[in-house]
Amino acid sequence: MADIDIPEDLIKLERAAWAEQQAGALTLETAGAVQAAYREHAAATNGVGRLELEMATKKLVRHPAE
């Protein structure tokens, strides 16, 4: 996966969503907020797709040692 510039606010949103998932308490509000942030950032950065951005962010959040 190519180097992707992931903004800190998106990382924070994904961490919050991941924490809620781990607790079995993911809300629609949190899920919607993180998905909206992926769409907005991908649209603002030509060349980076939403899916590619989401995969890179989730990898960073869920597997930080890799």
N, C-alpha and C. Protein backbone atom coordinates (compact mmCIF):
# COMPACT_ATOMS: atom_id res chain seq x y z
N MET A 1 0.86 -1.18 0.00
CA MET A 1 0.00 0.00 0.00
C MET A 1 0.90 1.24 0.00
N ALA A 2 0.59 2.15 -0.89
CA ALA A 2 1.38 3.37 -1.00
C ALA A 2 1.26 4.22 0.26
N ASP A 3 2.25 5.09 0.45
CA ASP A 3 2.17 6.00 1.59
C ASP A 3 1.00 6.95 1.38
N ILE A 4 0.15 7.01 2.37
CA ILE A 4 -1.03 7.86 2.30
C ILE A 4 -0.97 8.82 3.48
N ASP A 5 -1.19 10.09 3.21
CA ASP A 5 -1.23 11.09 4.26
C ASP A 5 -2.59 10.99 4.96
N ILE A 6 -2.57 10.50 6.19
CA ILE A 6 -3.80 10.33 6.96
C ILE A 6 -3.84 11.41 8.03
N PRO A 7 -4.83 12.29 7.99
CA PRO A 7 -4.90 13.36 8.99
C PRO A 7 -5.19 12.81 10.39
N GLU A 8 -4.66 13.48 11.38
CA GLU A 8 -4.80 13.04 12.77
C GLU A 8 -6.26 12.96 13.20
N ASP A 9 -7.10 13.87 12.72
CA ASP A 9 -8.51 13.82 13.12
C ASP A 9 -9.20 12.56 12.60
N LEU A 10 -8.80 12.08 11.43
CA LEU A 10 -9.35 10.85 10.90
C LEU A 10 -8.88 9.65 11.71
N ILE A 11 -7.64 9.66 12.12
CA ILE A 11 -7.11 8.60 12.96
C ILE A 11 -7.86 8.56 14.29
N LYS A 12 -8.12 9.72 14.87
CA LYS A 12 -8.87 9.78 16.13
C LYS A 12 -10.28 9.23 15.98
N LEU A 13 -10.95 9.59 14.87
CA LEU A 13 -12.29 9.07 14.63
C LEU A 13 -12.27 7.55 14.49
N GLU A 14 -11.30 7.03 13.74
CA GLU A 14 -11.21 5.58 13.56
C GLU A 14 -10.90 4.88 14.87
N ARG A 15 -10.05 5.48 15.69
CA ARG A 15 -9.75 4.89 17.01
C ARG A 15 -11.00 4.84 17.88
N ALA A 16 -11.81 5.89 17.83
CA ALA A 16 -13.05 5.91 18.60
C ALA A 16 -14.00 4.82 18.10
N ALA A 17 -14.12 4.68 16.79
CA ALA A 17 -14.99 3.65 16.23
C ALA A 17 -14.49 2.26 16.59
N TRP A 18 -13.19 2.07 16.52
CA TRP A 18 -12.61 0.76 16.84
C TRP A 18 -12.82 0.43 18.32
N ALA A 19 -12.66 1.40 19.19
CA ALA A 19 -12.89 1.18 20.62
C ALA A 19 -14.35 0.80 20.88
N GLU A 20 -15.27 1.48 20.20
CA GLU A 20 -16.68 1.15 20.36
C GLU A 20 -16.97 -0.25 19.82
N GLN A 21 -16.35 -0.62 18.70
CA GLN A 21 -16.54 -1.96 18.15
C GLN A 21 -16.05 -3.02 19.13
N GLN A 22 -14.89 -2.78 19.71
CA GLN A 22 -14.32 -3.74 20.65
C GLN A 22 -15.20 -3.92 21.88
N ALA A 23 -15.89 -2.86 22.26
CA ALA A 23 -16.78 -2.90 23.42
C ALA A 23 -18.19 -3.39 23.04
N GLY A 24 -18.40 -3.64 21.76
CA GLY A 24 -19.72 -4.06 21.30
C GLY A 24 -20.75 -2.95 21.36
N ALA A 25 -20.27 -1.71 21.22
CA ALA A 25 -21.17 -0.56 21.39
C ALA A 25 -21.02 0.48 20.28
N LEU A 26 -20.68 0.03 19.07
CA LEU A 26 -20.53 0.98 17.97
C LEU A 26 -21.87 1.63 17.66
N THR A 27 -21.89 2.95 17.64
CA THR A 27 -23.13 3.67 17.36
C THR A 27 -23.18 4.08 15.90
N LEU A 28 -24.39 4.30 15.41
CA LEU A 28 -24.55 4.80 14.05
C LEU A 28 -23.92 6.17 13.89
N GLU A 29 -23.98 6.96 14.93
CA GLU A 29 -23.39 8.30 14.89
C GLU A 29 -21.88 8.23 14.67
N THR A 30 -21.20 7.37 15.41
CA THR A 30 -19.76 7.22 15.26
C THR A 30 -19.41 6.64 13.90
N ALA A 31 -20.11 5.59 13.50
CA ALA A 31 -19.84 4.96 12.21
C ALA A 31 -20.08 5.94 11.07
N GLY A 32 -21.15 6.71 11.15
CA GLY A 32 -21.44 7.70 10.13
C GLY A 32 -20.40 8.80 10.06
N ALA A 33 -19.94 9.23 11.22
CA ALA A 33 -18.94 10.30 11.27
C ALA A 33 -17.63 9.86 10.63
N VAL A 34 -17.20 8.65 10.93
CA VAL A 34 -15.93 8.19 10.38
C VAL A 34 -16.06 7.95 8.87
N GLN A 35 -17.19 7.41 8.42
CA GLN A 35 -17.37 7.20 6.98
C GLN A 35 -17.45 8.53 6.23
N ALA A 36 -18.11 9.51 6.81
CA ALA A 36 -18.17 10.84 6.19
C ALA A 36 -16.77 11.45 6.09
N ALA A 37 -15.98 11.26 7.13
CA ALA A 37 -14.61 11.80 7.12
C ALA A 37 -13.77 11.12 6.04
N TYR A 38 -13.94 9.81 5.86
CA TYR A 38 -13.23 9.12 4.77
C TYR A 38 -13.62 9.70 3.42
N ARG A 39 -14.91 9.85 3.20
CA ARG A 39 -15.38 10.38 1.90
C ARG A 39 -14.86 11.79 1.66
N GLU A 40 -14.95 12.64 2.67
CA GLU A 40 -14.52 14.03 2.52
C GLU A 40 -13.02 14.13 2.25
N HIS A 41 -12.23 13.37 2.99
CA HIS A 41 -10.78 13.45 2.81
C HIS A 41 -10.38 12.88 1.44
N ALA A 42 -10.99 11.77 1.06
CA ALA A 42 -10.67 11.18 -0.25
C ALA A 42 -11.05 12.14 -1.38
N ALA A 43 -12.18 12.81 -1.25
CA ALA A 43 -12.61 13.75 -2.28
C ALA A 43 -11.69 14.96 -2.36
N ALA A 44 -11.13 15.35 -1.23
CA ALA A 44 -10.25 16.53 -1.18
C ALA A 44 -8.85 16.23 -1.69
N THR A 45 -8.47 14.96 -1.70
CA THR A 45 -7.13 14.57 -2.15
C THR A 45 -7.25 13.74 -3.40
N ASN A 46 -7.10 14.38 -4.53
CA ASN A 46 -7.18 13.67 -5.81
C ASN A 46 -6.15 12.56 -5.85
N GLY A 47 -6.61 11.40 -6.30
CA GLY A 47 -5.70 10.27 -6.44
C GLY A 47 -5.80 9.25 -5.33
N VAL A 48 -6.37 9.62 -4.18
CA VAL A 48 -6.53 8.67 -3.08
C VAL A 48 -8.00 8.29 -3.01
N GLY A 49 -8.27 7.01 -3.20
CA GLY A 49 -9.64 6.53 -3.13
C GLY A 49 -10.09 6.36 -1.68
N ARG A 50 -11.39 6.42 -1.48
CA ARG A 50 -11.95 6.27 -0.14
C ARG A 50 -11.59 4.91 0.45
N LEU A 51 -11.72 3.86 -0.33
CA LEU A 51 -11.43 2.52 0.18
C LEU A 51 -9.96 2.38 0.55
N GLU A 52 -9.09 2.88 -0.29
CA GLU A 52 -7.65 2.82 -0.01
C GLU A 52 -7.32 3.59 1.27
N LEU A 53 -7.92 4.75 1.42
CA LEU A 53 -7.73 5.55 2.63
C LEU A 53 -8.25 4.82 3.86
N GLU A 54 -9.44 4.25 3.75
CA GLU A 54 -10.04 3.53 4.88
C GLU A 54 -9.19 2.33 5.28
N MET A 55 -8.72 1.56 4.31
CA MET A 55 -7.90 0.39 4.61
C MET A 55 -6.60 0.79 5.30
N ALA A 56 -5.95 1.84 4.81
CA ALA A 56 -4.69 2.29 5.40
C ALA A 56 -4.91 2.79 6.83
N THR A 57 -6.00 3.51 7.06
CA THR A 57 -6.28 4.04 8.39
C THR A 57 -6.60 2.92 9.36
N LYS A 58 -7.41 1.97 8.94
CA LYS A 58 -7.75 0.84 9.82
C LYS A 58 -6.51 0.02 10.14
N LYS A 59 -5.63 -0.17 9.17
CA LYS A 59 -4.39 -0.91 9.42
C LYS A 59 -3.55 -0.18 10.45
N LEU A 60 -3.44 1.13 10.31
CA LEU A 60 -2.67 1.94 11.25
C LEU A 60 -3.23 1.84 12.66
N VAL A 61 -4.56 1.91 12.78
CA VAL A 61 -5.22 1.90 14.08
C VAL A 61 -5.23 0.50 14.70
N ARG A 62 -5.53 -0.50 13.91
CA ARG A 62 -5.72 -1.86 14.45
C ARG A 62 -4.44 -2.67 14.55
N HIS A 63 -3.44 -2.32 13.76
CA HIS A 63 -2.18 -3.07 13.75
C HIS A 63 -1.00 -2.09 13.74
N PRO A 64 -0.85 -1.30 14.79
CA PRO A 64 0.16 -0.22 14.79
C PRO A 64 1.61 -0.71 14.70
N ALA A 65 1.89 -1.94 15.08
CA ALA A 65 3.28 -2.41 15.08
C ALA A 65 3.78 -2.81 13.71
N GLU A 66 2.88 -3.00 12.75
CA GLU A 66 3.30 -3.46 11.41
C GLU A 66 3.93 -2.37 10.61
